[in-house]
């Protein structure tokens, strides 16, 4: 039986609530950096938190209204600090001399979108099934939108979905405007302002200046760099690793390599890489890779400001022949990932930038997807469960349809903290079935 549809109750647009002095310092246009422009064909970032409805709320709709109003008010105050999220993308172009530039327009926009929705499901209906229910994708706005659509769609959309006994706050943000670090910077600040009833933020303020000059792109129409990707039918499942399990994997990887330089995330990623490669039954000499998203902020010299608000990430990868990867141990695979991260220096970042400026491109899943690779995204270091919005700690983190494909793994902190992790794994059904019976993998995760 199909789950009930999400019912949309209301929507509005939220603008930054700021003083006249703040309006005077607001930049009408923010130019994009190469890291931002490269994201124009990717999906929005879609992450959300599931809360158990407080006992003070009953089943009647009007008891949720105070929460909705406070969410809107605190969002408006937060947008005063993060005002590009209330803007739109815009393009400046001309044929002679050739000129094509995409930027954030902070003036010509109704603001960020805010949606109130409801569904006749319980928290248990979301968390109990083995696979993440498809209905969760309906908890996010801008489904299947790519970032270039931010010319007409809001750059930020909040959807508050009311369950029978829970509340889900889904946040969709244009990936041209933020990466994961900036996404959670905003989300954390919003929660802080909600909880303190204070318009100021205690965290580092967002640094909104990005690029010192206009990027004149060698295009005449967006069809030359925009592409859309439709994922095949996938199974999506959450696997939990306790702090003890993560520590054991890290100890094993470092012990096999007689070092102490392999991180917890590199050890877990190596496990994922080996086990998913095993499920795919690749030929011995087939090249396979594990790709990891790496934050550039502290890797370049001088480093970017702590609150740099935008994209500053690249993909690094460990490479191996499938047969060799499976013959060797966990430490061998983890060391390849450790080397890939260690080699991503200021020099490597600047070389990528120079190459991109010579030949600009956008990441397109349909073109760049590698069926023999694994992609590990997000980070268990991001502060996610600290966002409470007056309802206590969330019971789970879930994501939407965006940026998912066969072999995509998203890492989250575990609910209990302490170094535990949750892995959101997306695989073809036959690969997921084999992963569920893979002894190396299942020995590490908690069911």
Protein backbone atom coordinates (compact mmCIF):
# COMPACT_ATOMS: atom_id res chain seq x y z
CA UNK A 1 0.00 0.00 0.00
CA UNK A 2 1.37 3.42 -0.97
CA UNK A 3 1.98 5.92 1.87
CA UNK A 4 -0.31 8.94 2.03
CA UNK A 5 0.66 12.02 0.08
CA UNK A 6 2.07 15.07 1.76
CA UNK A 7 -0.59 17.79 1.96
CA UNK A 8 0.58 21.37 1.47
CA UNK A 9 -1.18 23.72 3.86
CA UNK A 10 0.43 27.11 3.29
CA UNK A 11 3.48 28.86 1.90
CA UNK A 12 5.03 32.31 2.10
CA UNK A 13 8.30 34.08 1.44
CA UNK A 14 10.61 35.35 4.18
CA UNK A 15 12.87 38.35 3.75
CA UNK A 16 15.81 39.36 5.93
CA UNK A 17 14.79 41.44 8.94
CA UNK A 18 17.45 44.08 9.19
CA UNK A 19 17.96 47.67 10.21
CA UNK A 20 18.53 50.59 7.87
CA UNK A 21 22.26 50.53 8.73
CA UNK A 22 22.50 46.87 7.76
CA UNK A 23 20.65 47.53 4.50
CA UNK A 24 23.29 50.12 3.59
CA UNK A 25 26.07 47.53 3.89
CA UNK A 26 24.19 44.88 1.94
CA UNK A 27 25.81 44.01 -1.37
CA UNK A 28 23.27 44.11 -4.24
CA UNK A 29 25.39 41.64 -6.24
CA UNK A 30 27.72 38.86 -5.11
CA UNK A 31 30.04 37.47 -7.76
CA UNK A 32 30.66 33.73 -7.82
CA UNK A 33 33.96 31.91 -7.45
CA UNK A 34 34.94 28.99 -9.72
CA UNK A 35 33.97 26.50 -6.96
CA UNK A 36 30.46 28.02 -7.02
CA UNK A 37 30.01 28.12 -10.79
CA UNK A 38 31.12 24.49 -11.07
CA UNK A 39 27.96 23.55 -9.10
CA UNK A 40 25.42 25.05 -11.53
CA UNK A 41 24.29 21.63 -12.83
CA UNK A 42 24.22 19.87 -9.45
CA UNK A 43 21.13 19.56 -7.28
CA UNK A 44 20.27 21.68 -4.27
CA UNK A 45 21.57 20.41 -0.91
CA UNK A 46 18.63 18.81 0.92
CA UNK A 47 19.01 17.83 4.56
CA UNK A 48 16.48 17.77 7.37
CA UNK A 49 15.85 16.87 11.00
CA UNK A 50 13.08 14.69 12.39
CA UNK A 51 11.75 15.62 15.83
CA UNK A 52 9.27 13.93 18.13
CA UNK A 53 6.39 16.33 18.66
CA UNK A 54 6.52 17.80 22.20
CA UNK A 55 3.73 16.72 24.54
CA UNK A 56 2.51 20.32 24.64
CA UNK A 57 1.30 19.86 21.06
CA UNK A 58 -1.74 17.73 20.35
CA UNK A 59 -3.23 16.61 17.05
CA UNK A 60 -4.98 19.89 16.38
CA UNK A 61 -3.35 22.05 13.76
CA UNK A 62 -3.48 25.31 15.72
CA UNK A 63 -1.03 24.04 18.33
CA UNK A 64 1.70 24.00 15.69
CA UNK A 65 1.11 27.64 14.75
CA UNK A 66 3.29 29.15 17.52
CA UNK A 67 6.19 26.97 16.37
CA UNK A 68 5.66 28.01 12.75
CA UNK A 69 5.52 31.69 13.63
CA UNK A 70 8.70 31.49 15.71
CA UNK A 71 10.46 29.58 12.93
CA UNK A 72 9.52 32.32 10.46
CA UNK A 73 10.55 35.14 12.77
CA UNK A 74 13.90 33.56 13.65
CA UNK A 75 14.50 32.73 9.98
CA UNK A 76 13.99 36.37 9.05
CA UNK A 77 16.48 37.43 11.72
CA UNK A 78 18.98 34.81 10.55
CA UNK A 79 18.67 35.91 6.93
CA UNK A 80 19.82 39.37 8.00
CA UNK A 81 23.24 37.74 8.48
CA UNK A 82 22.97 35.31 5.56
CA UNK A 83 21.08 37.55 3.14
CA UNK A 84 22.32 35.89 -0.11
CA UNK A 85 20.01 32.98 0.78
CA UNK A 86 17.05 35.31 0.21
CA UNK A 87 18.25 36.30 -3.26
CA UNK A 88 18.15 34.76 -6.71
CA UNK A 89 20.69 33.86 -9.34
CA UNK A 90 20.97 36.16 -12.33
CA UNK A 91 22.95 36.15 -15.57
CA UNK A 92 24.60 39.05 -17.34
CA UNK A 93 25.42 38.40 -20.98
CA UNK A 94 26.15 40.09 -24.27
CA UNK A 95 27.38 38.93 -27.66
CA UNK A 96 29.86 41.65 -28.59
CA UNK A 97 32.26 41.68 -26.95
CA UNK A 98 31.43 38.19 -25.61
CA UNK A 99 30.34 38.28 -21.99
CA UNK A 100 28.55 35.69 -19.83
CA UNK A 101 28.46 35.89 -16.04
CA UNK A 102 26.27 34.29 -13.33
CA UNK A 103 25.93 36.05 -9.97
CA UNK A 104 23.70 36.31 -6.88
CA UNK A 105 21.17 39.14 -7.12
CA UNK A 106 20.17 40.20 -3.60
CA UNK A 107 17.56 42.77 -4.67
CA UNK A 108 15.20 41.21 -7.20
CA UNK A 109 13.70 38.43 -5.09
CA UNK A 110 10.64 37.84 -2.90
CA UNK A 111 12.90 36.10 -0.37
CA UNK A 112 13.33 32.57 0.96
CA UNK A 113 10.39 30.17 0.67
CA UNK A 114 8.67 28.74 3.76
CA UNK A 115 6.18 25.86 3.45
CA UNK A 116 3.89 24.25 6.03
CA UNK A 117 2.82 20.71 5.12
CA UNK A 118 1.34 17.65 6.82
CA UNK A 119 1.28 13.90 6.29
CA UNK A 120 -0.70 11.15 8.01
CA UNK A 121 2.36 9.21 9.17
CA UNK A 122 4.15 8.65 12.47
CA UNK A 123 7.80 8.97 13.37
CA UNK A 124 7.91 5.17 13.51
CA UNK A 125 6.63 5.00 9.91
CA UNK A 126 9.74 6.91 8.88
CA UNK A 127 12.31 5.18 11.08
CA UNK A 128 11.09 1.56 11.28
CA UNK A 129 11.37 0.40 7.64
CA UNK A 130 14.70 -1.11 6.62
CA UNK A 131 14.98 1.29 3.69
CA UNK A 132 14.36 5.02 3.90
CA UNK A 133 10.74 5.48 2.71
CA UNK A 134 10.33 7.35 -0.58
CA UNK A 135 7.86 9.71 1.10
CA UNK A 136 10.83 11.38 2.81
CA UNK A 137 11.74 12.94 -0.55
CA UNK A 138 8.41 14.82 -0.33
CA UNK A 139 9.59 16.49 2.89
CA UNK A 140 11.79 18.79 0.80
CA UNK A 141 10.97 21.57 -1.62
CA UNK A 142 12.69 21.98 -5.00
CA UNK A 143 12.61 18.26 -5.72
CA UNK A 144 14.97 17.41 -8.60
CA UNK A 145 15.79 21.08 -9.17
CA UNK A 146 19.32 21.88 -10.27
CA UNK A 147 21.16 24.92 -9.02
CA UNK A 148 20.81 26.87 -12.27
CA UNK A 149 17.06 26.84 -11.56
CA UNK A 150 17.87 29.35 -8.82
CA UNK A 151 17.32 32.02 -11.46
CA UNK A 152 13.57 31.48 -10.89
CA UNK A 153 13.39 29.35 -7.72
CA UNK A 154 14.25 30.51 -4.22
CA UNK A 155 17.83 29.81 -3.19
CA UNK A 156 16.58 28.67 0.21
CA UNK A 157 13.37 26.79 0.96
CA UNK A 158 12.26 25.53 4.37
CA UNK A 159 9.51 22.91 4.52
CA UNK A 160 8.02 22.09 7.92
CA UNK A 161 6.10 18.83 7.62
CA UNK A 162 3.77 17.93 10.46
CA UNK A 163 3.51 14.20 11.22
CA UNK A 164 0.97 12.62 13.60
CA UNK A 165 3.53 12.61 16.42
CA UNK A 166 6.47 14.48 14.93
CA UNK A 167 7.83 17.47 13.06
CA UNK A 168 10.25 17.33 10.15
CA UNK A 169 12.20 20.46 9.21
CA UNK A 170 13.57 20.05 5.69
CA UNK A 171 16.00 22.60 4.31
CA UNK A 172 16.85 22.93 0.59
CA UNK A 173 19.68 25.34 -0.28
CA UNK A 174 21.17 26.09 -3.67
CA UNK A 175 24.58 24.40 -3.92
CA UNK A 176 25.98 27.37 -5.85
CA UNK A 177 25.46 29.47 -2.73
CA UNK A 178 26.72 27.00 -0.09
CA UNK A 179 28.70 23.84 0.41
CA UNK A 180 28.18 21.52 3.39
CA UNK A 181 30.25 23.69 5.74
CA UNK A 182 28.25 26.83 4.88
CA UNK A 183 24.96 24.91 4.87
CA UNK A 184 25.37 23.85 8.49
CA UNK A 185 26.81 27.26 9.44
CA UNK A 186 23.46 28.76 8.44
CA UNK A 187 21.39 25.97 10.01
CA UNK A 188 23.28 26.22 13.32
CA UNK A 189 22.91 30.00 13.41
CA UNK A 190 19.17 29.74 12.73
CA UNK A 191 18.77 27.30 15.62
CA UNK A 192 20.81 29.58 17.91
CA UNK A 193 18.64 32.60 17.09
CA UNK A 194 15.46 30.55 17.55
CA UNK A 195 16.57 29.27 20.96
CA UNK A 196 17.98 32.55 22.33
CA UNK A 197 15.41 34.98 20.90
CA UNK A 198 18.41 37.12 20.01
CA UNK A 199 19.11 38.61 16.60
CA UNK A 200 22.89 38.28 17.02
CA UNK A 201 24.81 35.06 16.46
CA UNK A 202 27.50 33.71 18.74
CA UNK A 203 29.24 31.82 15.95
CA UNK A 204 31.71 33.35 13.50
CA UNK A 205 29.72 35.69 11.25
CA UNK A 206 29.43 34.63 7.62
CA UNK A 207 32.05 36.19 5.34
CA UNK A 208 30.09 36.93 2.19
CA UNK A 209 32.82 38.35 -0.06
CA UNK A 210 33.86 35.60 -2.46
CA UNK A 211 35.63 36.57 -5.64
CA UNK A 212 37.32 39.84 -6.45
CA UNK A 213 36.28 40.03 -10.11
CA UNK A 214 33.62 38.90 -12.56
CA UNK A 215 34.05 35.46 -14.11
CA UNK A 216 33.48 35.91 -17.82
CA UNK A 217 32.44 32.42 -18.93
CA UNK A 218 32.98 31.12 -22.50
CA UNK A 219 29.29 30.38 -23.06
CA UNK A 220 26.43 32.00 -24.94
CA UNK A 221 23.56 29.93 -23.48
CA UNK A 222 23.07 27.85 -20.34
CA UNK A 223 22.32 24.75 -22.42
CA UNK A 224 26.06 24.61 -23.06
CA UNK A 225 26.85 23.81 -19.43
CA UNK A 226 23.59 22.66 -17.81
CA UNK A 227 22.52 19.02 -17.71
CA UNK A 228 19.94 17.07 -15.72
CA UNK A 229 20.36 13.61 -14.25
CA UNK A 230 17.69 11.10 -13.30
CA UNK A 231 18.94 8.37 -10.97
CA UNK A 232 17.97 4.74 -11.62
CA UNK A 233 15.80 2.99 -9.01
CA UNK A 234 17.94 2.81 -5.89
CA UNK A 235 17.68 1.41 -2.41
CA UNK A 236 18.60 3.86 0.31
CA UNK A 237 19.43 2.64 3.78
CA UNK A 238 20.89 4.08 6.98
CA UNK A 239 23.63 2.04 8.68
CA UNK A 240 24.89 2.94 12.15
CA UNK A 241 28.43 2.57 13.44
CA UNK A 242 28.92 2.90 17.18
CA UNK A 243 31.84 4.89 18.56
CA UNK A 244 33.45 1.59 19.56
CA UNK A 245 33.09 0.20 16.05
CA UNK A 246 34.59 3.32 14.47
CA UNK A 247 37.50 3.22 16.92
CA UNK A 248 38.07 -0.45 16.14
CA UNK A 249 38.18 0.22 12.38
CA UNK A 250 40.59 3.12 12.88
CA UNK A 251 42.81 1.02 15.13
CA UNK A 252 42.84 -1.82 12.61
CA UNK A 253 43.69 0.44 9.66
CA UNK A 254 46.50 2.19 11.53
CA UNK A 255 47.80 -1.07 12.97
CA UNK A 256 48.06 -2.71 9.55
CA UNK A 257 50.05 0.29 8.26
CA UNK A 258 52.07 0.78 11.46
CA UNK A 259 51.06 4.42 11.69
CA UNK A 260 48.69 6.67 13.59
CA UNK A 261 47.91 9.08 10.74
CA UNK A 262 44.79 7.44 9.29
CA UNK A 263 41.62 9.18 10.47
CA UNK A 264 38.33 7.65 11.55
CA UNK A 265 36.57 8.88 8.42
CA UNK A 266 39.30 7.52 6.15
CA UNK A 267 39.06 4.14 7.90
CA UNK A 268 35.26 4.00 7.54
CA UNK A 269 35.46 5.17 3.93
CA UNK A 270 37.97 2.43 3.17
CA UNK A 271 35.56 -0.14 4.59
CA UNK A 272 32.75 1.22 2.42
CA UNK A 273 34.97 1.26 -0.67
CA UNK A 274 36.06 -2.35 -0.22
CA UNK A 275 32.63 -3.73 0.58
CA UNK A 276 30.70 -1.95 -2.18
CA UNK A 277 33.40 -2.93 -4.68
CA UNK A 278 32.94 -6.54 -3.57
CA UNK A 279 29.18 -6.37 -4.19
CA UNK A 280 29.75 -5.16 -7.76
CA UNK A 281 31.87 -8.19 -8.73
CA UNK A 282 34.17 -6.08 -10.91
CA UNK A 283 36.92 -7.68 -13.02
CA UNK A 284 40.28 -7.95 -11.25
CA UNK A 285 41.94 -5.25 -13.39
CA UNK A 286 39.00 -2.83 -13.35
CA UNK A 287 40.07 0.51 -11.93
CA UNK A 288 37.92 1.65 -9.05
CA UNK A 289 38.06 4.71 -6.85
CA UNK A 290 36.76 6.16 -3.63
CA UNK A 291 36.02 9.85 -3.93
CA UNK A 292 35.85 12.14 -0.94
CA UNK A 293 34.74 15.76 -0.64
CA UNK A 294 37.53 17.85 0.93
CA UNK A 295 37.19 21.31 2.47
CA UNK A 296 39.70 23.77 0.96
CA UNK A 297 39.31 26.52 3.57
CA UNK A 298 42.32 25.60 5.69
CA UNK A 299 44.34 24.02 2.88
CA UNK A 300 45.06 27.15 0.90
CA UNK A 301 47.66 29.74 1.93
CA UNK A 302 46.66 32.05 3.44
CA UNK A 303 43.59 30.13 4.65
CA UNK A 304 40.09 31.43 4.00
CA UNK A 305 38.29 33.11 6.93
CA UNK A 306 36.60 30.69 9.31
CA UNK A 307 33.16 31.95 8.32
CA UNK A 308 33.74 31.95 4.55
CA UNK A 309 30.23 31.53 3.15
CA UNK A 310 30.12 29.77 -0.19
CA UNK A 311 31.66 26.73 -1.82
CA UNK A 312 35.23 25.81 -1.02
CA UNK A 313 35.50 22.11 -1.63
CA UNK A 314 36.95 19.71 -4.16
CA UNK A 315 36.91 15.98 -4.75
CA UNK A 316 39.96 13.83 -4.10
CA UNK A 317 40.12 10.13 -4.77
CA UNK A 318 41.98 7.01 -3.89
CA UNK A 319 42.47 4.67 -6.86
CA UNK A 320 43.05 0.92 -7.04
CA UNK A 321 42.42 -2.12 -9.18
CA UNK A 322 39.33 -3.92 -7.90
CA UNK A 323 41.14 -7.20 -7.33
CA UNK A 324 44.05 -5.60 -5.51
CA UNK A 325 41.69 -3.57 -3.32
CA UNK A 326 39.97 -6.76 -2.14
CA UNK A 327 43.16 -8.79 -1.76
CA UNK A 328 44.81 -6.21 0.46
CA UNK A 329 43.61 -5.24 3.93
CA UNK A 330 41.59 -2.36 5.30
CA UNK A 331 44.74 -0.39 6.14
CA UNK A 332 46.03 -0.62 2.55
CA UNK A 333 42.80 0.97 1.25
CA UNK A 334 42.67 3.56 4.04
CA UNK A 335 46.26 4.62 3.36
CA UNK A 336 45.37 5.39 -0.25
CA UNK A 337 42.63 7.67 0.96
CA UNK A 338 44.94 9.24 3.52
CA UNK A 339 47.49 9.96 0.77
CA UNK A 340 44.83 11.49 -1.49
CA UNK A 341 43.80 13.88 1.29
CA UNK A 342 47.39 14.68 2.32
CA UNK A 343 48.35 15.50 -1.27
CA UNK A 344 45.53 18.01 -1.57
CA UNK A 345 47.71 21.00 -0.72
CA UNK A 346 47.62 24.69 -1.54
CA UNK A 347 49.53 23.87 -4.75
CA UNK A 348 46.94 21.27 -5.81
CA UNK A 349 44.05 23.65 -5.10
CA UNK A 350 45.65 26.45 -7.12
CA UNK A 351 46.46 24.14 -10.02
CA UNK A 352 42.80 23.05 -10.16
CA UNK A 353 41.72 26.68 -10.12
CA UNK A 354 44.05 27.63 -12.98
CA UNK A 355 42.90 24.66 -15.07
CA UNK A 356 39.25 25.52 -14.43
CA UNK A 357 39.77 29.15 -15.43
CA UNK A 358 41.35 27.98 -18.68
CA UNK A 359 38.49 25.58 -19.41
CA UNK A 360 35.42 26.15 -17.17
CA UNK A 361 33.00 23.26 -16.60
CA UNK A 362 30.14 22.27 -14.33
CA UNK A 363 29.78 18.99 -12.47
CA UNK A 364 27.13 16.92 -14.27
CA UNK A 365 26.21 13.54 -12.78
CA UNK A 366 25.22 12.12 -16.13
CA UNK A 367 28.64 12.94 -17.57
CA UNK A 368 30.95 12.45 -14.57
CA UNK A 369 29.25 9.43 -12.96
CA UNK A 370 31.56 6.43 -12.62
CA UNK A 371 29.74 3.12 -11.99
CA UNK A 372 32.94 1.65 -10.52
CA UNK A 373 33.45 4.35 -7.91
CA UNK A 374 32.16 5.18 -4.46
CA UNK A 375 31.52 8.79 -3.43
CA UNK A 376 31.65 9.70 0.27
CA UNK A 377 30.08 13.08 1.04
CA UNK A 378 29.12 15.32 3.96
CA UNK A 379 30.94 14.94 7.28
CA UNK A 380 30.27 13.41 10.72
CA UNK A 381 32.00 16.51 12.12
CA UNK A 382 29.18 18.86 11.14
CA UNK A 383 26.97 19.93 14.04
CA UNK A 384 23.56 18.49 13.18
CA UNK A 385 21.89 17.18 16.32
CA UNK A 386 22.61 20.44 18.16
CA UNK A 387 19.81 22.14 16.21
CA UNK A 388 16.81 21.75 18.52
CA UNK A 389 14.25 24.53 17.72
CA UNK A 390 12.61 24.13 21.10
CA UNK A 391 11.75 20.45 20.55
CA UNK A 392 14.77 18.76 22.09
CA UNK A 393 17.26 16.75 20.07
CA UNK A 394 16.20 15.41 16.71
CA UNK A 395 15.79 11.65 16.51
CA UNK A 396 17.16 11.35 12.98
CA UNK A 397 18.72 13.14 10.02
CA UNK A 398 17.35 12.47 6.56
CA UNK A 399 17.94 13.87 3.08
CA UNK A 400 15.96 14.37 -0.13
CA UNK A 401 16.36 13.08 -3.65
CA UNK A 402 19.21 15.46 -4.47
CA UNK A 403 22.63 14.31 -5.68
CA UNK A 404 22.04 10.59 -5.18
CA UNK A 405 23.31 7.82 -7.42
CA UNK A 406 24.59 4.26 -7.23
CA UNK A 407 27.53 4.30 -4.83
CA UNK A 408 26.74 7.59 -3.05
CA UNK A 409 27.42 7.44 0.69
CA UNK A 410 26.59 10.36 2.99
CA UNK A 411 28.15 10.50 6.45
CA UNK A 412 26.40 11.93 9.49
CA UNK A 413 27.24 12.03 13.19
CA UNK A 414 25.53 9.29 15.17
CA UNK A 415 22.73 10.27 17.53
CA UNK A 416 24.69 9.36 20.66
CA UNK A 417 27.78 11.34 19.61
CA UNK A 418 31.17 10.32 20.90
CA UNK A 419 32.55 9.55 17.45
CA UNK A 420 29.66 7.36 16.28
CA UNK A 421 28.53 7.68 12.66
CA UNK A 422 25.51 7.08 10.47
CA UNK A 423 26.00 6.11 6.84
CA UNK A 424 23.31 6.87 4.28
CA UNK A 425 24.07 4.36 1.50
CA UNK A 426 22.48 4.47 -1.96
CA UNK A 427 22.95 1.41 -4.17
CA UNK A 428 21.28 -0.52 -6.95
CA UNK A 429 18.93 -3.10 -5.36
CA UNK A 430 21.11 -6.10 -6.19
CA UNK A 431 24.20 -4.39 -4.74
CA UNK A 432 22.37 -3.44 -1.56
CA UNK A 433 21.20 -7.02 -1.13
CA UNK A 434 24.79 -8.23 -1.37
CA UNK A 435 26.03 -5.52 0.99
CA UNK A 436 23.49 -6.66 3.59
CA UNK A 437 25.12 -10.10 3.55
CA UNK A 438 28.72 -8.88 3.34
CA UNK A 439 30.40 -10.16 6.49
CA UNK A 440 33.13 -7.48 6.68
CA UNK A 441 30.57 -4.68 6.45
CA UNK A 442 27.85 -6.15 8.64
CA UNK A 443 30.35 -7.02 11.39
CA UNK A 444 31.10 -3.28 11.66
CA UNK A 445 27.58 -1.82 11.66
CA UNK A 446 24.82 -2.01 14.24
CA UNK A 447 21.40 -3.31 13.16
